[in-house]
Amino acid sequence: MISLLNKGHNYDTIIYNQETGSVVAVFSGRTKEDVISYLKSLPEDVRNGIKAVSMDIVIKIIGKLE
């Protein structure tokens, strides 16, 4: 799951494993580019193991991640 934390005008993204409930990563930003950059930093076998993504965000941000 990808969660976005609003801290004034700064945003952080939290990625965690919904099966285990453990936090996988926290990084600054909330844009599509921020998420893609993080995913590209993962080894290919890890990226290939991602089976689903869910987001808890406001509607106006969804288009930025499509």
C-alpha atoms as a PDB file:
ATOM      1  CA  MET A   1       0.000   0.000   0.000  1.00  0.00           C
ATOM      2  CA  ILE A   2       1.163   3.498  -0.731  1.00  0.00           C
ATOM      3  CA  SER A   3       0.152   6.151   1.822  1.00  0.00           C
ATOM      4  CA  LEU A   4       0.741   9.870   1.551  1.00  0.00           C
ATOM      5  CA  LEU A   5       1.342  11.922   4.684  1.00  0.00           C
ATOM      6  CA  ASN A   6       0.546  15.624   4.543  1.00  0.00           C
ATOM      7  CA  LYS A   7       2.937  17.689   6.649  1.00  0.00           C
ATOM      8  CA  GLY A   8       2.021  21.234   5.659  1.00  0.00           C
ATOM      9  CA  HIS A   9       3.280  21.499   2.113  1.00  0.00           C
ATOM     10  CA  ASN A  10       5.728  18.613   2.400  1.00  0.00           C
ATOM     11  CA  TYR A  11       4.645  15.076   1.580  1.00  0.00           C
ATOM     12  CA  ASP A  12       6.133  11.696   2.356  1.00  0.00           C
ATOM     13  CA  THR A  13       5.212   8.378   0.820  1.00  0.00           C
ATOM     14  CA  ILE A  14       5.056   5.227   2.920  1.00  0.00           C
ATOM     15  CA  ILE A  15       5.192   1.846   1.228  1.00  0.00           C
ATOM     16  CA  TYR A  16       4.308  -1.186   3.265  1.00  0.00           C
ATOM     17  CA  ASN A  17       3.518  -4.832   2.823  1.00  0.00           C
ATOM     18  CA  GLN A  18      -0.187  -5.384   3.463  1.00  0.00           C
ATOM     19  CA  GLU A  19       0.343  -9.097   4.055  1.00  0.00           C
ATOM     20  CA  THR A  20       2.902  -8.635   6.841  1.00  0.00           C
ATOM     21  CA  GLY A  21       1.969  -5.118   7.962  1.00  0.00           C
ATOM     22  CA  SER A  22       5.620  -4.071   7.851  1.00  0.00           C
ATOM     23  CA  VAL A  23       6.881  -0.761   6.475  1.00  0.00           C
ATOM     24  CA  VAL A  24       9.044  -1.324   3.411  1.00  0.00           C
ATOM     25  CA  ALA A  25      10.077   2.261   2.650  1.00  0.00           C
ATOM     26  CA  VAL A  26       9.486   5.914   3.498  1.00  0.00           C
ATOM     27  CA  PHE A  27      10.622   8.648   1.133  1.00  0.00           C
ATOM     28  CA  SER A  28       9.965  12.317   0.409  1.00  0.00           C
ATOM     29  CA  GLY A  29       7.493  13.255  -2.269  1.00  0.00           C
ATOM     30  CA  ARG A  30       4.162  12.038  -3.570  1.00  0.00           C
ATOM     31  CA  THR A  31       4.346  12.413  -7.328  1.00  0.00           C
ATOM     32  CA  LYS A  32       4.211   9.709  -9.943  1.00  0.00           C
ATOM     33  CA  GLU A  33       7.884  10.422 -10.648  1.00  0.00           C
ATOM     34  CA  ASP A  34       8.792   9.949  -6.964  1.00  0.00           C
ATOM     35  CA  VAL A  35       7.104   6.546  -6.860  1.00  0.00           C
ATOM     36  CA  ILE A  36       8.564   5.438 -10.203  1.00  0.00           C
ATOM     37  CA  SER A  37      12.039   6.483  -9.068  1.00  0.00           C
ATOM     38  CA  TYR A  38      11.662   4.386  -5.914  1.00  0.00           C
ATOM     39  CA  LEU A  39      10.361   1.370  -7.834  1.00  0.00           C
ATOM     40  CA  LYS A  40      13.216   1.613 -10.350  1.00  0.00           C
ATOM     41  CA  SER A  41      15.681   1.516  -7.445  1.00  0.00           C
ATOM     42  CA  LEU A  42      14.430  -1.940  -6.471  1.00  0.00           C
ATOM     43  CA  PRO A  43      16.066  -5.068  -7.869  1.00  0.00           C
ATOM     44  CA  GLU A  44      14.176  -6.473 -10.856  1.00  0.00           C
ATOM     45  CA  ASP A  45      13.147  -9.642  -8.997  1.00  0.00           C
ATOM     46  CA  VAL A  46      11.556  -7.521  -6.247  1.00  0.00           C
ATOM     47  CA  ARG A  47       9.685  -5.363  -8.796  1.00  0.00           C
ATOM     48  CA  ASN A  48       8.469  -8.485 -10.548  1.00  0.00           C
ATOM     49  CA  GLY A  49       7.161  -9.794  -7.220  1.00  0.00           C
ATOM     50  CA  ILE A  50       4.765  -6.868  -6.759  1.00  0.00           C
ATOM     51  CA  LYS A  51       1.330  -8.288  -7.453  1.00  0.00           C
ATOM     52  CA  ALA A  52      -1.003  -5.435  -6.460  1.00  0.00           C
ATOM     53  CA  VAL A  53      -0.964  -1.805  -5.416  1.00  0.00           C
ATOM     54  CA  SER A  54      -3.555   0.049  -3.362  1.00  0.00           C
ATOM     55  CA  MET A  55      -3.576   3.705  -2.404  1.00  0.00           C
ATOM     56  CA  ASP A  56      -5.254   5.729   0.316  1.00  0.00           C
ATOM     57  CA  ILE A  57      -5.333   9.178  -1.266  1.00  0.00           C
ATOM     58  CA  VAL A  58      -7.614  12.017  -2.258  1.00  0.00           C
ATOM     59  CA  ILE A  59      -9.289  11.799  -5.669  1.00  0.00           C
ATOM     60  CA  LYS A  60      -7.381  14.744  -7.225  1.00  0.00           C
ATOM     61  CA  ILE A  61      -4.044  12.912  -6.782  1.00  0.00           C
ATOM     62  CA  ILE A  62      -5.103   9.669  -8.497  1.00  0.00           C
ATOM     63  CA  GLY A  63      -4.470  11.062 -11.978  1.00  0.00           C
ATOM     64  CA  LYS A  64      -0.883  11.830 -11.024  1.00  0.00           C
ATOM     65  CA  LEU A  65      -0.171   8.145 -10.367  1.00  0.00           C
ATOM     66  CA  GLU A  66      -1.963   6.611 -13.366  1.00  0.00           C
END
